[in-house]
N, C-alpha and C. Protein backbone atom coordinates (compact mmCIF):
# COMPACT_ATOMS: atom_id res chain seq x y z
N UNK A 1 49.97 -74.87 -4.20
CA UNK A 1 51.20 -74.21 -3.58
C UNK A 1 51.52 -72.92 -4.41
N UNK A 2 51.45 -73.19 -5.84
CA UNK A 2 51.81 -72.10 -6.59
C UNK A 2 50.77 -70.89 -6.39
N UNK A 3 49.45 -71.29 -6.27
CA UNK A 3 48.46 -70.24 -6.11
C UNK A 3 48.75 -69.41 -4.80
N UNK A 4 49.23 -70.01 -3.73
CA UNK A 4 49.51 -69.44 -2.47
C UNK A 4 50.66 -68.42 -2.68
N UNK A 5 51.60 -68.80 -3.42
CA UNK A 5 52.85 -68.02 -3.60
C UNK A 5 52.34 -66.75 -4.47
N UNK A 6 51.51 -66.98 -5.41
CA UNK A 6 51.11 -65.88 -6.33
C UNK A 6 50.23 -64.95 -5.50
N UNK A 7 49.39 -65.64 -4.67
CA UNK A 7 48.53 -64.64 -3.90
C UNK A 7 49.42 -63.73 -2.68
N UNK A 8 50.44 -64.41 -2.14
CA UNK A 8 51.37 -63.73 -1.35
C UNK A 8 52.06 -62.57 -2.01
N UNK A 9 52.57 -62.89 -3.24
CA UNK A 9 53.29 -61.86 -4.07
C UNK A 9 52.29 -60.64 -4.32
N UNK A 10 51.06 -61.06 -4.82
CA UNK A 10 50.04 -60.00 -5.01
C UNK A 10 49.68 -59.18 -3.92
N UNK A 11 49.53 -59.85 -2.54
CA UNK A 11 49.22 -59.12 -1.45
C UNK A 11 50.44 -58.19 -1.05
N UNK A 12 51.64 -58.65 -1.20
CA UNK A 12 52.87 -57.80 -0.94
C UNK A 12 52.89 -56.67 -1.83
N UNK A 13 52.69 -56.79 -3.17
CA UNK A 13 52.57 -55.82 -4.04
C UNK A 13 51.58 -54.78 -3.86
N UNK A 14 50.29 -55.14 -3.40
CA UNK A 14 49.29 -54.24 -3.10
C UNK A 14 49.73 -53.40 -1.96
N UNK A 15 50.37 -54.05 -0.95
CA UNK A 15 50.65 -53.29 0.36
C UNK A 15 51.82 -52.36 0.00
N UNK A 16 52.68 -52.61 -1.06
CA UNK A 16 53.65 -51.63 -1.37
C UNK A 16 53.20 -50.54 -2.26
N UNK A 17 51.86 -50.59 -2.70
CA UNK A 17 51.31 -49.63 -3.43
C UNK A 17 51.50 -49.88 -5.03
N UNK A 18 51.77 -51.05 -5.38
CA UNK A 18 52.10 -51.46 -6.75
C UNK A 18 50.71 -51.78 -7.44
N UNK A 19 50.68 -51.71 -8.66
CA UNK A 19 49.61 -52.10 -9.52
C UNK A 19 49.77 -53.43 -10.08
N UNK A 20 48.84 -54.36 -10.15
CA UNK A 20 49.03 -55.60 -10.68
C UNK A 20 48.30 -55.83 -12.04
N UNK A 21 48.93 -56.39 -12.99
CA UNK A 21 48.28 -56.73 -14.31
C UNK A 21 48.51 -58.18 -14.62
N UNK A 22 47.37 -58.89 -14.65
CA UNK A 22 47.54 -60.46 -14.73
C UNK A 22 48.40 -61.06 -13.74
N UNK A 23 48.22 -60.46 -12.53
CA UNK A 23 48.92 -61.00 -11.42
C UNK A 23 50.38 -60.54 -11.26
N UNK A 24 50.91 -59.83 -12.23
CA UNK A 24 52.32 -59.44 -12.08
C UNK A 24 52.25 -58.00 -11.78
N UNK A 25 53.31 -57.43 -10.82
CA UNK A 25 53.32 -56.12 -10.68
C UNK A 25 53.80 -55.25 -11.70
N UNK A 26 53.20 -54.07 -11.97
CA UNK A 26 53.55 -53.17 -13.06
C UNK A 26 54.71 -52.36 -12.41
N UNK A 27 55.89 -52.25 -13.10
CA UNK A 27 57.02 -51.38 -12.47
C UNK A 27 56.63 -49.92 -12.52
N UNK A 28 57.03 -49.28 -11.54
CA UNK A 28 56.86 -47.83 -11.34
C UNK A 28 57.70 -47.08 -12.25
N UNK A 29 57.27 -45.97 -12.74
CA UNK A 29 58.13 -45.13 -13.68
C UNK A 29 58.04 -43.59 -13.01
N UNK A 30 59.19 -42.95 -13.20
CA UNK A 30 59.25 -41.65 -12.67
C UNK A 30 58.49 -40.66 -13.77
N UNK A 31 58.41 -41.01 -14.91
CA UNK A 31 57.75 -40.13 -15.97
C UNK A 31 57.21 -41.10 -17.09
N UNK A 32 56.13 -40.43 -17.86
CA UNK A 32 55.60 -41.33 -18.86
C UNK A 32 54.95 -40.27 -19.89
N UNK A 33 54.69 -40.76 -21.04
CA UNK A 33 54.10 -39.81 -22.02
C UNK A 33 52.57 -40.17 -22.13
N UNK A 34 51.83 -39.14 -22.05
CA UNK A 34 50.47 -39.20 -22.15
C UNK A 34 49.89 -38.15 -23.06
N UNK A 35 49.22 -38.47 -24.27
CA UNK A 35 48.57 -37.44 -25.16
C UNK A 35 49.63 -36.44 -25.62
N UNK A 36 50.96 -36.90 -25.83
CA UNK A 36 51.97 -35.91 -26.31
C UNK A 36 52.69 -35.24 -25.29
N UNK A 37 52.29 -35.21 -24.11
CA UNK A 37 53.06 -34.52 -23.00
C UNK A 37 53.66 -35.64 -22.12
N UNK A 38 54.72 -35.17 -21.38
CA UNK A 38 55.43 -36.08 -20.52
C UNK A 38 54.95 -35.61 -19.04
N UNK A 39 54.49 -36.66 -18.29
CA UNK A 39 54.04 -36.23 -17.10
C UNK A 39 54.99 -36.98 -16.13
N UNK A 40 55.43 -36.15 -15.02
CA UNK A 40 56.54 -36.74 -14.13
C UNK A 40 55.78 -36.93 -12.73
N UNK A 41 56.34 -37.93 -12.01
CA UNK A 41 55.59 -38.37 -10.61
C UNK A 41 55.77 -37.25 -9.59
N UNK A 42 56.84 -36.31 -9.84
CA UNK A 42 56.98 -35.28 -8.78
C UNK A 42 56.12 -34.05 -9.29
N UNK A 43 55.40 -34.17 -10.35
CA UNK A 43 54.59 -32.91 -10.78
C UNK A 43 55.41 -31.94 -11.58
N UNK A 44 56.61 -32.09 -11.78
CA UNK A 44 57.48 -31.22 -12.69
C UNK A 44 57.24 -31.32 -14.07
N UNK A 45 57.79 -30.24 -14.83
CA UNK A 45 57.50 -30.18 -16.23
C UNK A 45 58.83 -30.22 -16.97
N UNK A 46 59.89 -30.37 -16.35
CA UNK A 46 61.32 -30.29 -16.91
C UNK A 46 61.52 -31.13 -18.04
N UNK A 47 60.97 -32.43 -17.93
CA UNK A 47 61.17 -33.34 -19.07
C UNK A 47 60.26 -33.00 -20.23
N UNK A 48 59.12 -32.54 -20.01
CA UNK A 48 58.26 -32.14 -20.95
C UNK A 48 58.74 -30.86 -21.77
N UNK A 49 59.35 -29.92 -21.03
CA UNK A 49 59.92 -28.82 -21.70
C UNK A 49 61.15 -29.29 -22.48
N UNK A 50 61.97 -30.19 -21.96
CA UNK A 50 63.02 -30.67 -22.79
C UNK A 50 62.50 -31.50 -24.08
N UNK A 51 61.45 -32.12 -23.90
CA UNK A 51 61.04 -32.87 -25.04
C UNK A 51 60.42 -31.76 -26.01
N UNK A 52 59.69 -30.81 -25.65
CA UNK A 52 59.18 -29.77 -26.50
C UNK A 52 60.21 -29.04 -27.14
N UNK A 53 61.25 -28.61 -26.51
CA UNK A 53 62.40 -27.88 -27.09
C UNK A 53 63.13 -28.74 -28.22
N UNK A 54 63.25 -30.11 -27.94
CA UNK A 54 63.74 -30.96 -28.82
C UNK A 54 62.93 -30.97 -30.12
N UNK A 55 61.60 -31.00 -29.94
CA UNK A 55 60.68 -30.98 -30.84
C UNK A 55 60.71 -29.81 -31.87
N UNK A 56 60.98 -28.53 -31.10
CA UNK A 56 61.19 -27.29 -31.69
C UNK A 56 62.49 -27.22 -32.62
N UNK A 57 63.53 -27.75 -32.14
CA UNK A 57 64.67 -27.89 -32.98
C UNK A 57 64.58 -28.90 -34.08
N UNK A 58 63.72 -29.83 -33.92
CA UNK A 58 63.50 -30.79 -35.14
C UNK A 58 62.86 -29.99 -36.11
N UNK A 59 61.78 -29.18 -35.71
CA UNK A 59 61.05 -28.21 -36.68
C UNK A 59 62.08 -27.36 -37.31
N UNK A 60 62.93 -26.84 -36.55
CA UNK A 60 64.00 -25.83 -36.98
C UNK A 60 64.82 -26.48 -38.14
N UNK A 61 65.21 -27.77 -37.98
CA UNK A 61 66.04 -28.32 -38.84
C UNK A 61 65.19 -28.58 -40.19
N UNK A 62 64.00 -28.97 -40.15
CA UNK A 62 63.09 -29.05 -41.29
C UNK A 62 62.94 -27.84 -42.02
N UNK A 63 62.85 -26.66 -41.38
CA UNK A 63 62.68 -25.41 -41.96
C UNK A 63 63.97 -24.56 -42.10
N UNK A 64 65.11 -25.09 -41.89
CA UNK A 64 66.36 -24.44 -41.99
C UNK A 64 66.62 -23.85 -43.35
N UNK A 65 66.10 -24.51 -44.33
CA UNK A 65 66.26 -23.99 -45.66
C UNK A 65 65.77 -22.42 -45.88
N UNK A 66 64.59 -22.27 -45.27
CA UNK A 66 63.95 -21.04 -45.19
C UNK A 66 64.68 -20.01 -44.19
N UNK A 67 64.81 -20.60 -42.91
CA UNK A 67 65.28 -19.79 -41.88
C UNK A 67 66.69 -19.23 -41.97
N UNK A 68 67.58 -20.10 -42.61
CA UNK A 68 68.92 -19.69 -42.68
C UNK A 68 69.31 -19.08 -44.14
N UNK A 69 68.27 -19.00 -45.05
CA UNK A 69 68.60 -18.35 -46.22
C UNK A 69 68.60 -16.75 -46.13
N UNK A 70 69.72 -16.13 -46.55
CA UNK A 70 69.81 -14.77 -46.39
C UNK A 70 68.78 -13.97 -47.37
N UNK A 71 68.46 -14.71 -48.49
CA UNK A 71 67.59 -14.07 -49.41
C UNK A 71 66.03 -13.98 -49.06
N UNK A 72 65.75 -14.81 -48.02
CA UNK A 72 64.38 -14.89 -47.57
C UNK A 72 64.18 -13.57 -46.66
N UNK A 73 63.05 -12.99 -46.72
CA UNK A 73 62.74 -11.75 -46.05
C UNK A 73 62.68 -12.18 -44.53
N UNK A 74 62.94 -11.09 -43.64
CA UNK A 74 62.85 -11.51 -42.27
C UNK A 74 61.47 -11.62 -41.79
N UNK A 75 60.62 -10.88 -42.42
CA UNK A 75 59.11 -11.10 -42.06
C UNK A 75 58.73 -12.54 -42.20
N UNK A 76 59.06 -13.12 -43.31
CA UNK A 76 58.65 -14.51 -43.63
C UNK A 76 59.31 -15.47 -42.55
N UNK A 77 60.70 -15.19 -42.31
CA UNK A 77 61.28 -15.95 -41.32
C UNK A 77 60.51 -16.04 -40.01
N UNK A 78 60.06 -14.78 -39.60
CA UNK A 78 59.32 -14.53 -38.32
C UNK A 78 58.09 -15.30 -38.27
N UNK A 79 57.36 -15.37 -39.56
CA UNK A 79 55.92 -16.07 -39.54
C UNK A 79 56.28 -17.52 -39.56
N UNK A 80 57.33 -18.01 -40.27
CA UNK A 80 57.73 -19.40 -40.10
C UNK A 80 58.05 -19.82 -38.85
N UNK A 81 58.67 -19.06 -38.05
CA UNK A 81 59.03 -19.41 -36.75
C UNK A 81 57.82 -19.45 -35.84
N UNK A 82 56.92 -18.37 -35.97
CA UNK A 82 55.73 -18.35 -35.14
C UNK A 82 54.73 -19.44 -35.41
N UNK A 83 54.58 -19.90 -36.65
CA UNK A 83 53.45 -20.71 -36.93
C UNK A 83 53.98 -22.21 -37.05
N UNK A 84 55.27 -22.50 -37.11
CA UNK A 84 55.67 -23.92 -37.16
C UNK A 84 56.48 -24.24 -35.89
N UNK A 85 57.55 -23.61 -35.63
CA UNK A 85 58.38 -23.98 -34.66
C UNK A 85 57.89 -23.66 -33.21
N UNK A 86 57.33 -22.51 -33.04
CA UNK A 86 56.82 -22.09 -31.77
C UNK A 86 55.63 -22.90 -31.28
N UNK A 87 54.74 -23.29 -32.29
CA UNK A 87 53.70 -24.13 -31.92
C UNK A 87 54.19 -25.55 -31.53
N UNK A 88 55.36 -26.06 -32.08
CA UNK A 88 55.84 -27.28 -31.76
C UNK A 88 56.46 -27.23 -30.26
N UNK A 89 57.03 -26.09 -30.15
CA UNK A 89 57.66 -25.91 -28.66
C UNK A 89 56.60 -25.76 -27.68
N UNK A 90 55.50 -25.13 -27.82
CA UNK A 90 54.58 -24.77 -26.88
C UNK A 90 53.27 -25.69 -26.70
N UNK A 91 53.37 -26.80 -27.57
CA UNK A 91 52.26 -27.71 -27.41
C UNK A 91 52.02 -28.14 -26.01
N UNK A 92 50.74 -28.06 -25.55
CA UNK A 92 50.29 -28.37 -24.21
C UNK A 92 50.80 -27.42 -23.16
N UNK A 93 51.37 -26.18 -23.43
CA UNK A 93 51.86 -25.20 -22.56
C UNK A 93 50.82 -24.55 -21.62
N UNK A 94 49.60 -24.52 -22.14
CA UNK A 94 48.50 -23.85 -21.44
C UNK A 94 48.24 -24.68 -19.94
N UNK A 95 48.64 -25.90 -19.88
CA UNK A 95 48.52 -26.55 -18.71
C UNK A 95 49.71 -26.69 -17.78
N UNK A 96 50.77 -26.07 -18.24
CA UNK A 96 51.95 -26.24 -17.61
C UNK A 96 51.98 -25.28 -16.31
N UNK A 97 52.46 -25.77 -15.17
CA UNK A 97 52.74 -24.90 -14.01
C UNK A 97 54.20 -24.37 -14.21
N UNK A 98 54.33 -23.37 -14.79
CA UNK A 98 55.68 -22.97 -15.16
C UNK A 98 56.28 -22.00 -14.26
N UNK A 99 57.62 -22.20 -13.95
CA UNK A 99 58.30 -21.26 -13.09
C UNK A 99 59.26 -20.37 -13.81
N UNK A 100 60.12 -19.40 -13.20
CA UNK A 100 60.89 -18.60 -13.89
C UNK A 100 62.02 -19.34 -14.52
N UNK A 101 62.49 -20.35 -13.90
CA UNK A 101 63.70 -21.09 -14.40
C UNK A 101 63.37 -21.71 -15.89
N UNK A 102 62.13 -22.34 -15.80
CA UNK A 102 61.56 -22.91 -17.09
C UNK A 102 61.38 -21.92 -18.20
N UNK A 103 60.84 -20.68 -17.73
CA UNK A 103 60.57 -19.65 -18.71
C UNK A 103 61.89 -19.09 -19.22
N UNK A 104 62.85 -18.99 -18.39
CA UNK A 104 64.14 -18.54 -18.96
C UNK A 104 64.85 -19.52 -19.76
N UNK A 105 64.63 -20.88 -19.63
CA UNK A 105 65.17 -21.83 -20.36
C UNK A 105 64.56 -21.83 -21.84
N UNK A 106 63.13 -21.57 -21.89
CA UNK A 106 62.45 -21.50 -23.11
C UNK A 106 62.92 -20.13 -23.93
N UNK A 107 63.07 -18.90 -23.09
CA UNK A 107 63.49 -17.73 -23.73
C UNK A 107 64.90 -17.92 -24.32
N UNK A 108 65.72 -18.59 -23.74
CA UNK A 108 67.07 -18.57 -24.27
C UNK A 108 67.13 -19.42 -25.59
N UNK A 109 66.37 -20.55 -25.48
CA UNK A 109 66.34 -21.35 -26.78
C UNK A 109 65.64 -20.62 -27.91
N UNK A 110 64.60 -19.92 -27.55
CA UNK A 110 63.91 -19.14 -28.65
C UNK A 110 64.88 -18.02 -29.11
N UNK A 111 65.65 -17.43 -28.17
CA UNK A 111 66.51 -16.38 -28.79
C UNK A 111 67.70 -16.92 -29.61
N UNK A 112 68.22 -18.14 -29.34
CA UNK A 112 69.18 -18.76 -30.10
C UNK A 112 68.55 -18.90 -31.53
N UNK A 113 67.28 -19.38 -31.69
CA UNK A 113 66.72 -19.67 -33.03
C UNK A 113 66.58 -18.23 -33.74
N UNK A 114 65.99 -17.27 -32.96
CA UNK A 114 65.76 -15.98 -33.70
C UNK A 114 67.11 -15.34 -34.17
N UNK A 115 68.04 -15.34 -33.26
CA UNK A 115 69.42 -14.85 -33.75
C UNK A 115 69.96 -15.54 -34.86
N UNK A 116 69.86 -16.84 -34.97
CA UNK A 116 70.40 -17.51 -36.02
C UNK A 116 69.65 -17.27 -37.32
N UNK A 117 68.16 -17.01 -37.24
CA UNK A 117 67.47 -16.59 -38.40
C UNK A 117 67.90 -15.36 -39.01
N UNK A 118 68.27 -14.37 -38.09
CA UNK A 118 68.71 -13.10 -38.44
C UNK A 118 70.13 -13.01 -38.91
N UNK A 119 70.79 -14.17 -38.55
CA UNK A 119 72.33 -14.12 -38.94
C UNK A 119 73.20 -13.42 -37.98
N UNK A 120 72.83 -13.36 -36.65
CA UNK A 120 73.48 -12.80 -35.53
C UNK A 120 73.94 -13.84 -34.67
N UNK A 121 74.87 -13.62 -33.84
CA UNK A 121 75.34 -14.37 -32.77
C UNK A 121 75.33 -13.53 -31.44
N UNK A 122 75.44 -14.20 -30.38
CA UNK A 122 75.45 -13.49 -29.12
C UNK A 122 76.63 -12.57 -29.03
N UNK A 123 77.73 -12.90 -29.74
CA UNK A 123 78.95 -12.03 -29.67
C UNK A 123 78.74 -10.76 -30.48
N UNK A 124 77.72 -10.61 -31.29
CA UNK A 124 77.39 -9.37 -32.06
C UNK A 124 76.76 -8.41 -31.10
N UNK A 125 76.36 -8.83 -29.93
CA UNK A 125 75.90 -8.02 -28.74
C UNK A 125 74.74 -7.14 -29.19
N UNK A 126 73.76 -7.73 -29.78
CA UNK A 126 72.52 -7.01 -30.43
C UNK A 126 71.47 -7.33 -29.39
N UNK A 127 70.60 -6.41 -28.91
CA UNK A 127 69.66 -6.74 -27.89
C UNK A 127 68.49 -7.63 -28.41
N UNK A 128 68.04 -8.37 -27.43
CA UNK A 128 66.87 -9.32 -27.89
C UNK A 128 65.64 -8.57 -28.45
N UNK A 129 65.35 -7.40 -27.89
CA UNK A 129 64.14 -6.71 -28.42
C UNK A 129 64.47 -6.26 -29.82
N UNK A 130 65.68 -5.88 -30.18
CA UNK A 130 65.95 -5.58 -31.58
C UNK A 130 65.77 -6.75 -32.57
N UNK A 131 66.17 -7.97 -32.04
CA UNK A 131 65.96 -9.11 -32.83
C UNK A 131 64.50 -9.52 -33.05
N UNK A 132 63.91 -9.39 -31.90
CA UNK A 132 62.30 -9.64 -32.02
C UNK A 132 61.57 -8.80 -32.76
N UNK A 133 62.04 -7.46 -32.90
CA UNK A 133 61.34 -6.44 -33.62
C UNK A 133 61.61 -6.71 -35.15
N UNK A 134 62.84 -7.16 -35.36
CA UNK A 134 63.22 -7.35 -36.79
C UNK A 134 62.40 -8.46 -37.41
N UNK A 135 62.08 -9.52 -36.59
CA UNK A 135 61.29 -10.71 -36.98
C UNK A 135 59.86 -10.59 -36.64
N UNK A 136 59.54 -9.59 -35.99
CA UNK A 136 58.11 -9.27 -35.55
C UNK A 136 57.54 -10.54 -34.68
N UNK A 137 58.33 -10.94 -33.69
CA UNK A 137 57.86 -12.03 -32.90
C UNK A 137 57.74 -11.46 -31.40
N UNK A 138 56.68 -11.89 -30.70
CA UNK A 138 56.48 -11.52 -29.38
C UNK A 138 57.28 -12.30 -28.26
N UNK A 139 57.69 -11.77 -27.17
CA UNK A 139 58.42 -12.67 -26.31
C UNK A 139 57.57 -13.82 -25.84
N UNK A 140 58.37 -14.94 -25.50
CA UNK A 140 57.77 -16.17 -25.35
C UNK A 140 56.88 -16.12 -23.98
N UNK A 141 57.42 -15.32 -23.03
CA UNK A 141 56.54 -15.16 -21.80
C UNK A 141 55.21 -14.58 -22.09
N UNK A 142 55.00 -13.61 -22.95
CA UNK A 142 53.75 -13.16 -23.34
C UNK A 142 52.80 -14.11 -23.95
N UNK A 143 53.56 -14.95 -24.95
CA UNK A 143 52.86 -16.02 -25.57
C UNK A 143 52.25 -17.22 -24.65
N UNK A 144 53.09 -17.42 -23.81
CA UNK A 144 52.68 -18.45 -22.66
C UNK A 144 51.47 -17.79 -21.87
N UNK A 145 51.62 -16.54 -21.51
CA UNK A 145 50.45 -16.05 -20.66
C UNK A 145 49.19 -16.03 -21.64
N UNK A 146 49.24 -15.85 -22.93
CA UNK A 146 48.20 -15.66 -23.88
C UNK A 146 47.59 -17.17 -24.01
N UNK A 147 48.43 -18.12 -24.06
CA UNK A 147 47.91 -19.50 -24.03
C UNK A 147 47.06 -19.83 -22.87
N UNK A 148 47.67 -19.55 -21.65
CA UNK A 148 46.92 -19.84 -20.37
C UNK A 148 45.69 -19.07 -20.25
N UNK A 149 45.64 -17.85 -20.69
CA UNK A 149 44.36 -17.03 -20.63
C UNK A 149 43.30 -17.59 -21.47
N UNK A 150 43.67 -17.92 -22.64
CA UNK A 150 42.88 -18.56 -23.64
C UNK A 150 42.18 -19.92 -23.15
N UNK A 151 42.99 -20.67 -22.48
CA UNK A 151 42.45 -21.98 -21.85
C UNK A 151 41.63 -21.55 -20.82
N UNK A 152 41.95 -20.58 -19.86
CA UNK A 152 41.11 -20.21 -18.95
C UNK A 152 39.68 -19.79 -19.36
N UNK A 153 39.65 -18.96 -20.42
CA UNK A 153 38.47 -18.55 -21.03
C UNK A 153 37.60 -19.77 -21.54
N UNK A 154 38.29 -20.70 -22.09
CA UNK A 154 37.71 -21.84 -22.42
C UNK A 154 37.00 -22.62 -21.36
N UNK A 155 37.75 -22.68 -20.27
CA UNK A 155 37.07 -23.48 -19.18
C UNK A 155 35.93 -22.66 -18.50
N UNK A 156 36.06 -21.34 -18.48
CA UNK A 156 34.98 -20.44 -18.10
C UNK A 156 33.75 -20.67 -18.82
N UNK A 157 33.83 -20.91 -20.22
CA UNK A 157 32.62 -20.83 -20.93
C UNK A 157 31.96 -22.23 -21.06
N UNK A 158 32.70 -23.34 -20.47
CA UNK A 158 32.14 -24.62 -20.61
C UNK A 158 30.74 -24.61 -19.85
N UNK A 159 29.82 -25.65 -20.19
CA UNK A 159 28.66 -25.69 -19.42
C UNK A 159 28.85 -26.17 -18.05
N UNK A 160 27.98 -25.71 -17.14
CA UNK A 160 28.15 -26.10 -15.68
C UNK A 160 28.02 -27.66 -15.30
N UNK A 161 27.48 -28.41 -16.44
CA UNK A 161 27.34 -29.83 -16.08
C UNK A 161 28.28 -30.59 -16.81
N UNK A 162 29.20 -29.95 -17.35
CA UNK A 162 30.38 -30.57 -18.20
C UNK A 162 31.32 -31.35 -17.13
N UNK A 163 31.77 -32.53 -17.55
CA UNK A 163 32.65 -33.29 -16.65
C UNK A 163 33.98 -32.49 -16.27
N UNK A 164 34.56 -32.74 -15.18
CA UNK A 164 35.76 -31.84 -14.77
C UNK A 164 36.93 -32.48 -15.30
């Protein structure tokens, strides 16, 4: 009798599209983490961008002694940002299907960090290009394009018999 009940539950779960593990249905999730990235069931990247920006702010807090010190040269601050914080923020970005809203979100967070490193606020009304020039940092949109092109070149160079 118990086996019939378990079989009926299993059949209903499979009919609903659920996956069974040891006879128990595995609950559906809207998003999950895989290899450091967050995958969403709707194909979006909003949660991954949120996670990456939080990771960037975490790196910022770790490096804030250098980035917020007025005695440290701006060139060193820019290098610290490019090689530590930006890499944390853009991990896995070559695979993102990014739209203008996501790019704008990343740009605004980056500019918050860069202005803070320079000792400026938005109320100082200093143009973004000037801040980037002082720190010698390229716009994040260009960096994202560079990442995607580098990944595309990697895919083009792979052998034809390589798995997809």
